[in-house]
């Protein structure tokens, strides 16, 4: 198992001097807005005068401090450690395990924090691949991603649905402990931390899929390419083409109905899939949906090597996100954190 850091595109202090007038440049802007593209930063700033920009920066600074306080305290409670088969907790990294590859990145034009996480877990009995997507409305979605992956790491023998339930208990206790430590956190109107997650367990040719929320699973077999949506229905490329032309679907496709956290609904069923030699599985957070499904298929068919496919998918998604909110951006583009794991079945 090998893990390495990913350098994510980021604006520097010098970039802010080039984009903004002198009266709107303050120390530390790259910590707040370094994840934005130059064109999007310019769009935001040109709608404000010096005073409204000052107030905007002030509000964003307060939010960053609030979030940072919570994550530091929660990670201290968890006694957080780093592991080579996990990338989570606001990390931007790449994991390689033989033919299996994965990465997790904050991306651009979304948030300064990576709330996603990935994990690759293998023992004598099975192989488990997991992708988590911290819910953006939460205070610290990245903590939920970390907790879920830690529970997978600690309990390789447990059924995946039990791992989810154990993660819920940890997250509920953490939320309660956070409020005991800093009572003012009780005023936060949303959940402190929860995450959508998809995990697959592979034993021989049998694959079990456990999906809570909108983390994507693509399956390629020969020329057949399909997506398992969060209602656990397989959608083929013709169906996906129609959906990606439907503005109502695009507006609602990231509304999740379930997540691992305090409001977790355990009444769901896993699905099974019989794999054949050469089948390709792609687990991905919804940041990959900034690409059209037809483009995803084209890339993975053209690049049979999982590492090559991973790199091209990631860099193509980053390029699309850099163009977001411009005339060059398709209507389906939605910047987000980007995480994916690619597996080629070779029994």
Protein backbone atom coordinates (compact mmCIF):
# COMPACT_ATOMS: atom_id res chain seq x y z
CA UNK A 1 0.00 0.00 0.00
CA UNK A 2 1.43 3.38 -1.01
CA UNK A 3 0.03 6.81 -0.24
CA UNK A 4 1.28 10.17 -1.45
CA UNK A 5 0.15 13.80 -1.27
CA UNK A 6 -1.64 15.52 -4.17
CA UNK A 7 -0.94 19.14 -5.01
CA UNK A 8 -4.27 20.84 -5.66
CA UNK A 9 -4.49 24.06 -7.75
CA UNK A 10 -4.53 27.03 -5.38
CA UNK A 11 -4.33 30.81 -5.69
CA UNK A 12 -1.28 32.44 -4.10
CA UNK A 13 -1.03 35.80 -2.35
CA UNK A 14 0.53 37.19 -5.54
CA UNK A 15 -2.50 36.00 -7.54
CA UNK A 16 -4.80 38.07 -5.33
CA UNK A 17 -2.70 41.16 -6.04
CA UNK A 18 -3.16 40.53 -9.78
CA UNK A 19 -6.94 39.91 -9.56
CA UNK A 20 -8.13 42.39 -6.91
CA UNK A 21 -7.62 46.14 -6.47
CA UNK A 22 -5.14 47.05 -3.68
CA UNK A 23 -7.90 48.15 -1.32
CA UNK A 24 -9.37 44.60 -1.34
CA UNK A 25 -6.17 42.62 -0.70
CA UNK A 26 -5.58 41.44 2.89
CA UNK A 27 -3.14 38.97 4.42
CA UNK A 28 -4.42 35.39 4.44
CA UNK A 29 -6.91 35.62 1.58
CA UNK A 30 -5.36 32.51 0.03
CA UNK A 31 -6.42 30.52 3.13
CA UNK A 32 -10.02 31.63 2.61
CA UNK A 33 -10.31 31.71 -1.17
CA UNK A 34 -7.29 29.89 -2.54
CA UNK A 35 -9.56 27.08 -3.74
CA UNK A 36 -11.38 29.39 -6.16
CA UNK A 37 -10.52 29.85 -9.82
CA UNK A 38 -9.27 33.30 -10.90
CA UNK A 39 -12.38 33.89 -13.04
CA UNK A 40 -14.81 32.98 -10.25
CA UNK A 41 -12.95 35.06 -7.66
CA UNK A 42 -13.13 38.00 -10.02
CA UNK A 43 -16.88 37.49 -10.51
CA UNK A 44 -17.44 37.56 -6.75
CA UNK A 45 -15.24 40.59 -6.10
CA UNK A 46 -16.59 42.75 -8.95
CA UNK A 47 -20.07 42.56 -7.40
CA UNK A 48 -18.81 44.25 -4.22
CA UNK A 49 -17.26 47.52 -3.14
CA UNK A 50 -14.44 47.73 -0.61
CA UNK A 51 -16.82 47.79 2.36
CA UNK A 52 -19.03 44.86 1.34
CA UNK A 53 -15.90 42.88 0.42
CA UNK A 54 -14.48 43.59 3.89
CA UNK A 55 -17.67 42.30 5.52
CA UNK A 56 -17.69 39.21 3.27
CA UNK A 57 -14.10 38.37 4.17
CA UNK A 58 -14.88 38.94 7.85
CA UNK A 59 -17.83 36.52 7.74
CA UNK A 60 -15.86 33.86 5.87
CA UNK A 61 -13.02 34.20 8.39
CA UNK A 62 -15.39 33.62 11.29
CA UNK A 63 -16.80 30.51 9.60
CA UNK A 64 -13.30 29.14 9.00
CA UNK A 65 -12.30 29.73 12.64
CA UNK A 66 -15.52 28.10 13.90
CA UNK A 67 -14.98 25.04 11.70
CA UNK A 68 -11.30 24.78 12.59
CA UNK A 69 -12.06 24.87 16.32
CA UNK A 70 -14.54 22.01 15.94
CA UNK A 71 -12.29 19.78 13.82
CA UNK A 72 -9.24 20.24 16.05
CA UNK A 73 -11.23 19.38 19.15
CA UNK A 74 -12.96 16.36 17.56
CA UNK A 75 -9.73 14.93 16.15
CA UNK A 76 -8.15 15.30 19.59
CA UNK A 77 -11.06 13.33 21.07
CA UNK A 78 -10.60 10.67 18.40
CA UNK A 79 -6.81 10.53 18.89
CA UNK A 80 -6.54 10.79 15.15
CA UNK A 81 -3.76 8.88 13.38
CA UNK A 82 -2.73 8.53 9.76
CA UNK A 83 -2.87 5.17 7.95
CA UNK A 84 -1.52 4.26 4.50
CA UNK A 85 -4.80 2.74 3.27
CA UNK A 86 -6.98 5.73 4.24
CA UNK A 87 -7.07 9.29 2.93
CA UNK A 88 -9.56 11.48 4.81
CA UNK A 89 -9.95 14.33 7.27
CA UNK A 90 -9.13 17.21 4.89
CA UNK A 91 -6.27 15.33 3.22
CA UNK A 92 -5.51 15.49 -0.50
CA UNK A 93 -3.90 12.21 -1.38
CA UNK A 94 -3.41 9.31 -3.75
CA UNK A 95 -3.46 5.62 -2.70
CA UNK A 96 -2.10 2.72 -4.75
CA UNK A 97 -2.59 -0.93 -3.80
CA UNK A 98 -1.43 -3.16 -6.63
CA UNK A 99 -3.91 -2.64 -9.50
CA UNK A 100 -6.31 -0.68 -7.27
CA UNK A 101 -5.95 3.11 -7.31
CA UNK A 102 -7.74 5.94 -5.58
CA UNK A 103 -7.49 9.63 -4.78
CA UNK A 104 -9.23 12.27 -2.73
CA UNK A 105 -8.97 16.00 -3.42
CA UNK A 106 -10.75 19.17 -2.34
CA UNK A 107 -10.93 20.18 -6.02
CA UNK A 108 -11.47 23.79 -7.05
CA UNK A 109 -14.33 26.30 -6.87
CA UNK A 110 -16.12 24.44 -4.05
CA UNK A 111 -14.68 24.53 -0.54
CA UNK A 112 -11.30 25.16 1.04
CA UNK A 113 -11.72 21.85 2.89
CA UNK A 114 -11.84 18.31 1.53
CA UNK A 115 -14.79 16.63 3.26
CA UNK A 116 -14.40 13.37 1.28
CA UNK A 117 -12.41 10.28 2.14
CA UNK A 118 -11.35 6.98 0.57
CA UNK A 119 -10.21 3.65 1.97
CA UNK A 120 -8.85 0.40 0.52
CA UNK A 121 -9.01 -2.57 2.91
CA UNK A 122 -7.84 -6.09 2.05
CA UNK A 123 -7.36 -9.24 4.11
CA UNK A 124 -7.46 -13.00 3.51
CA UNK A 125 -11.26 -13.03 3.34
CA UNK A 126 -12.22 -10.02 1.21
CA UNK A 127 -11.41 -6.74 -0.44
CA UNK A 128 -13.32 -3.63 0.60
CA UNK A 129 -13.33 -0.33 -1.28
CA UNK A 130 -14.99 2.67 0.39
CA UNK A 131 -15.66 6.27 -0.66
CA UNK A 132 -17.19 8.80 1.77
CA UNK A 133 -18.59 12.25 1.04
CA UNK A 134 -19.05 14.51 4.06
CA UNK A 135 -22.40 16.29 3.90
CA UNK A 136 -21.79 19.93 3.03
CA UNK A 137 -24.54 21.34 5.25
CA UNK A 138 -22.81 19.94 8.33
CA UNK A 139 -20.27 21.80 10.38
CA UNK A 140 -17.49 19.26 9.84
CA UNK A 141 -18.45 16.62 7.26
CA UNK A 142 -14.82 15.58 6.92
CA UNK A 143 -14.89 14.20 10.47
CA UNK A 144 -17.69 11.79 9.53
CA UNK A 145 -15.69 10.56 6.54
CA UNK A 146 -12.71 9.94 8.82
CA UNK A 147 -14.78 8.12 11.46
CA UNK A 148 -16.46 5.80 8.92
CA UNK A 149 -13.15 4.82 7.34
CA UNK A 150 -11.57 4.28 10.77
CA UNK A 151 -14.42 1.92 11.68
CA UNK A 152 -13.77 -0.05 8.47
CA UNK A 153 -10.07 -0.23 9.29
CA UNK A 154 -10.63 -1.42 12.86
CA UNK A 155 -13.28 -4.05 12.08
CA UNK A 156 -12.49 -5.96 8.85
CA UNK A 157 -14.58 -8.91 10.03
CA UNK A 158 -17.83 -6.98 10.61
CA UNK A 159 -20.61 -6.74 7.98
CA UNK A 160 -20.57 -3.35 6.29
CA UNK A 161 -23.99 -2.37 7.61
CA UNK A 162 -22.72 -2.99 11.15
CA UNK A 163 -19.69 -0.79 10.44
CA UNK A 164 -22.08 2.01 9.43
CA UNK A 165 -24.10 1.56 12.66
CA UNK A 166 -20.93 1.63 14.76
CA UNK A 167 -19.82 4.83 13.01
CA UNK A 168 -23.18 6.41 13.84
CA UNK A 169 -22.63 5.70 17.54
CA UNK A 170 -19.17 7.27 17.43
CA UNK A 171 -20.47 10.38 15.64
CA UNK A 172 -23.43 10.85 18.02
CA UNK A 173 -21.10 10.56 21.02
CA UNK A 174 -18.66 13.02 19.45
CA UNK A 175 -21.42 15.57 18.91
CA UNK A 176 -22.50 15.25 22.54
CA UNK A 177 -18.90 15.56 23.80
CA UNK A 178 -18.33 18.61 21.62
CA UNK A 179 -21.33 20.35 23.19
CA UNK A 180 -20.11 19.44 26.68
CA UNK A 181 -16.70 20.92 25.89
CA UNK A 182 -18.04 24.06 24.19
CA UNK A 183 -21.76 24.51 25.07
CA UNK A 184 -22.24 27.17 22.38
CA UNK A 185 -22.03 24.45 19.71
CA UNK A 186 -25.55 23.39 20.71
CA UNK A 187 -26.82 26.43 18.78
CA UNK A 188 -25.63 24.93 15.49
CA UNK A 189 -28.94 24.19 13.70
CA UNK A 190 -27.72 21.30 11.51
CA UNK A 191 -25.91 18.04 12.24
CA UNK A 192 -22.34 18.42 13.45
CA UNK A 193 -21.05 15.68 11.16
CA UNK A 194 -22.46 13.11 8.77
CA UNK A 195 -21.42 11.59 5.46
CA UNK A 196 -22.79 9.71 2.49
CA UNK A 197 -20.89 6.51 1.77
CA UNK A 198 -20.67 3.63 -0.68
CA UNK A 199 -18.71 0.51 0.13
CA UNK A 200 -18.15 -2.59 -1.98
CA UNK A 201 -16.97 -5.93 -0.67
CA UNK A 202 -15.46 -8.36 -3.17
CA UNK A 203 -15.02 -12.07 -2.48
CA UNK A 204 -14.08 -14.04 -5.58
CA UNK A 205 -16.60 -13.00 -8.25
CA UNK A 206 -19.22 -11.90 -5.70
CA UNK A 207 -19.56 -8.19 -5.00
CA UNK A 208 -21.79 -6.75 -2.28
CA UNK A 209 -22.65 -3.05 -2.51
CA UNK A 210 -23.72 -1.03 0.54
CA UNK A 211 -24.78 2.49 -0.38
CA UNK A 212 -26.04 5.25 1.93
CA UNK A 213 -26.58 8.56 0.15
CA UNK A 214 -25.30 9.73 -3.21
CA UNK A 215 -21.74 8.36 -3.50
CA UNK A 216 -21.60 6.99 -7.03
CA UNK A 217 -20.83 3.51 -8.32
CA UNK A 218 -20.12 3.08 -12.05
CA UNK A 219 -19.82 -0.38 -13.63
CA UNK A 220 -18.21 -1.00 -17.02
CA UNK A 221 -18.44 -4.39 -18.73
CA UNK A 222 -17.29 -4.42 -22.32
CA UNK A 223 -19.24 -1.57 -23.95
CA UNK A 224 -21.97 -1.51 -21.31
CA UNK A 225 -21.62 1.39 -18.88
CA UNK A 226 -24.08 2.04 -16.06
CA UNK A 227 -24.50 3.96 -12.80
CA UNK A 228 -26.04 2.81 -9.53
CA UNK A 229 -28.04 5.79 -8.28
CA UNK A 230 -28.88 6.44 -4.63
CA UNK A 231 -32.25 4.66 -5.08
CA UNK A 232 -30.19 1.53 -5.90
CA UNK A 233 -31.37 1.48 -9.51
CA UNK A 234 -28.97 0.82 -12.37
CA UNK A 235 -29.10 3.53 -15.05
CA UNK A 236 -27.59 2.82 -18.46
CA UNK A 237 -25.89 5.43 -20.62
CA UNK A 238 -29.05 6.19 -22.64
CA UNK A 239 -30.94 6.94 -19.43
CA UNK A 240 -28.07 9.03 -18.10
CA UNK A 241 -27.89 11.03 -21.34
CA UNK A 242 -31.56 11.92 -20.96
CA UNK A 243 -31.20 12.82 -17.28
CA UNK A 244 -28.19 15.06 -17.92
CA UNK A 245 -30.30 16.98 -20.44
CA UNK A 246 -33.06 17.50 -17.84
CA UNK A 247 -32.54 20.71 -15.85
CA UNK A 248 -35.00 19.62 -13.15
CA UNK A 249 -33.02 16.42 -12.56
CA UNK A 250 -29.76 18.36 -12.50
CA UNK A 251 -31.15 20.75 -9.89
CA UNK A 252 -32.17 17.91 -7.58
CA UNK A 253 -29.61 15.17 -8.18
CA UNK A 254 -27.46 16.02 -5.15
CA UNK A 255 -30.29 16.06 -2.60
CA UNK A 256 -29.47 13.04 -0.45
CA UNK A 257 -32.09 11.08 1.46
CA UNK A 258 -29.78 9.28 3.88
CA UNK A 259 -26.34 9.64 5.46
CA UNK A 260 -24.30 8.07 8.24
CA UNK A 261 -24.78 10.33 11.26
CA UNK A 262 -27.33 11.22 13.92
CA UNK A 263 -30.30 10.98 11.52
CA UNK A 264 -29.11 7.75 9.83
CA UNK A 265 -31.91 5.53 8.47
CA UNK A 266 -30.71 1.88 8.75
CA UNK A 267 -33.65 0.41 6.82
CA UNK A 268 -31.99 -0.15 3.48
CA UNK A 269 -30.80 -3.29 1.72
CA UNK A 270 -27.45 -4.03 0.07
CA UNK A 271 -27.36 -5.16 -3.53
CA UNK A 272 -25.22 -7.87 -5.04
CA UNK A 273 -23.32 -7.98 -8.32
CA UNK A 274 -21.61 -10.90 -10.01
CA UNK A 275 -18.33 -9.70 -11.46
CA UNK A 276 -16.68 -11.02 -14.61
CA UNK A 277 -13.03 -10.82 -15.63
CA UNK A 278 -12.25 -7.34 -16.97
CA UNK A 279 -15.16 -5.59 -15.23
CA UNK A 280 -14.32 -2.09 -14.04
CA UNK A 281 -15.78 -0.47 -10.91
CA UNK A 282 -15.51 3.25 -10.18
CA UNK A 283 -16.56 4.49 -6.75
CA UNK A 284 -16.76 8.28 -6.71
CA UNK A 285 -18.06 11.19 -4.70
CA UNK A 286 -20.45 13.42 -6.61
CA UNK A 287 -17.57 15.73 -7.55
CA UNK A 288 -17.04 13.39 -10.50
CA UNK A 289 -20.50 14.35 -11.79
CA UNK A 290 -18.98 17.58 -13.03
CA UNK A 291 -18.18 15.30 -16.01
CA UNK A 292 -20.84 13.93 -18.32
CA UNK A 293 -21.26 10.13 -17.98
CA UNK A 294 -20.42 9.74 -21.68
CA UNK A 295 -17.07 11.47 -21.06
CA UNK A 296 -16.38 9.22 -18.07
CA UNK A 297 -17.03 6.16 -20.22
CA UNK A 298 -14.84 7.49 -23.02
CA UNK A 299 -11.93 8.04 -20.64
CA UNK A 300 -12.05 4.63 -18.95
CA UNK A 301 -12.52 2.76 -22.25
CA UNK A 302 -9.62 4.65 -23.83
CA UNK A 303 -7.37 4.11 -20.79
CA UNK A 304 -7.62 0.44 -19.73
CA UNK A 305 -4.88 0.97 -17.13
CA UNK A 306 -6.64 2.08 -13.88
CA UNK A 307 -3.85 4.52 -12.99
CA UNK A 308 -4.06 6.29 -16.37
CA UNK A 309 -7.86 6.40 -16.15
CA UNK A 310 -7.72 7.82 -12.63
CA UNK A 311 -5.33 10.59 -13.61
CA UNK A 312 -7.31 11.59 -16.70
CA UNK A 313 -10.65 11.54 -14.88
CA UNK A 314 -9.26 13.72 -12.10
CA UNK A 315 -7.51 16.27 -14.31
CA UNK A 316 -10.50 16.49 -16.67
CA UNK A 317 -12.79 17.16 -13.70
CA UNK A 318 -10.42 19.84 -12.37
CA UNK A 319 -10.34 21.53 -15.80
CA UNK A 320 -14.15 21.49 -15.93
CA UNK A 321 -14.41 22.99 -12.45
CA UNK A 322 -11.95 25.76 -13.31
CA UNK A 323 -14.37 26.82 -16.06
CA UNK A 324 -17.41 26.70 -13.80
CA UNK A 325 -19.80 29.66 -13.97
CA UNK A 326 -18.42 30.78 -17.33
CA UNK A 327 -19.89 30.49 -20.83
CA UNK A 328 -17.58 27.49 -21.37
CA UNK A 329 -19.20 25.55 -18.51
CA UNK A 330 -22.00 23.01 -19.26
CA UNK A 331 -25.19 23.34 -17.22
CA UNK A 332 -24.56 20.05 -15.41
CA UNK A 333 -21.21 21.19 -13.96
CA UNK A 334 -21.25 21.40 -10.16
CA UNK A 335 -17.89 21.89 -8.41
CA UNK A 336 -17.32 19.67 -5.40
CA UNK A 337 -14.64 17.69 -3.63
CA UNK A 338 -13.46 14.88 -5.92
CA UNK A 339 -12.74 11.36 -4.68
CA UNK A 340 -12.62 8.11 -6.60
CA UNK A 341 -11.41 4.53 -6.40
CA UNK A 342 -10.94 2.40 -9.53
CA UNK A 343 -10.88 -1.41 -9.48
CA UNK A 344 -10.38 -3.79 -12.40
CA UNK A 345 -11.65 -7.31 -11.65
CA UNK A 346 -9.04 -9.94 -12.41
CA UNK A 347 -9.92 -13.07 -10.39
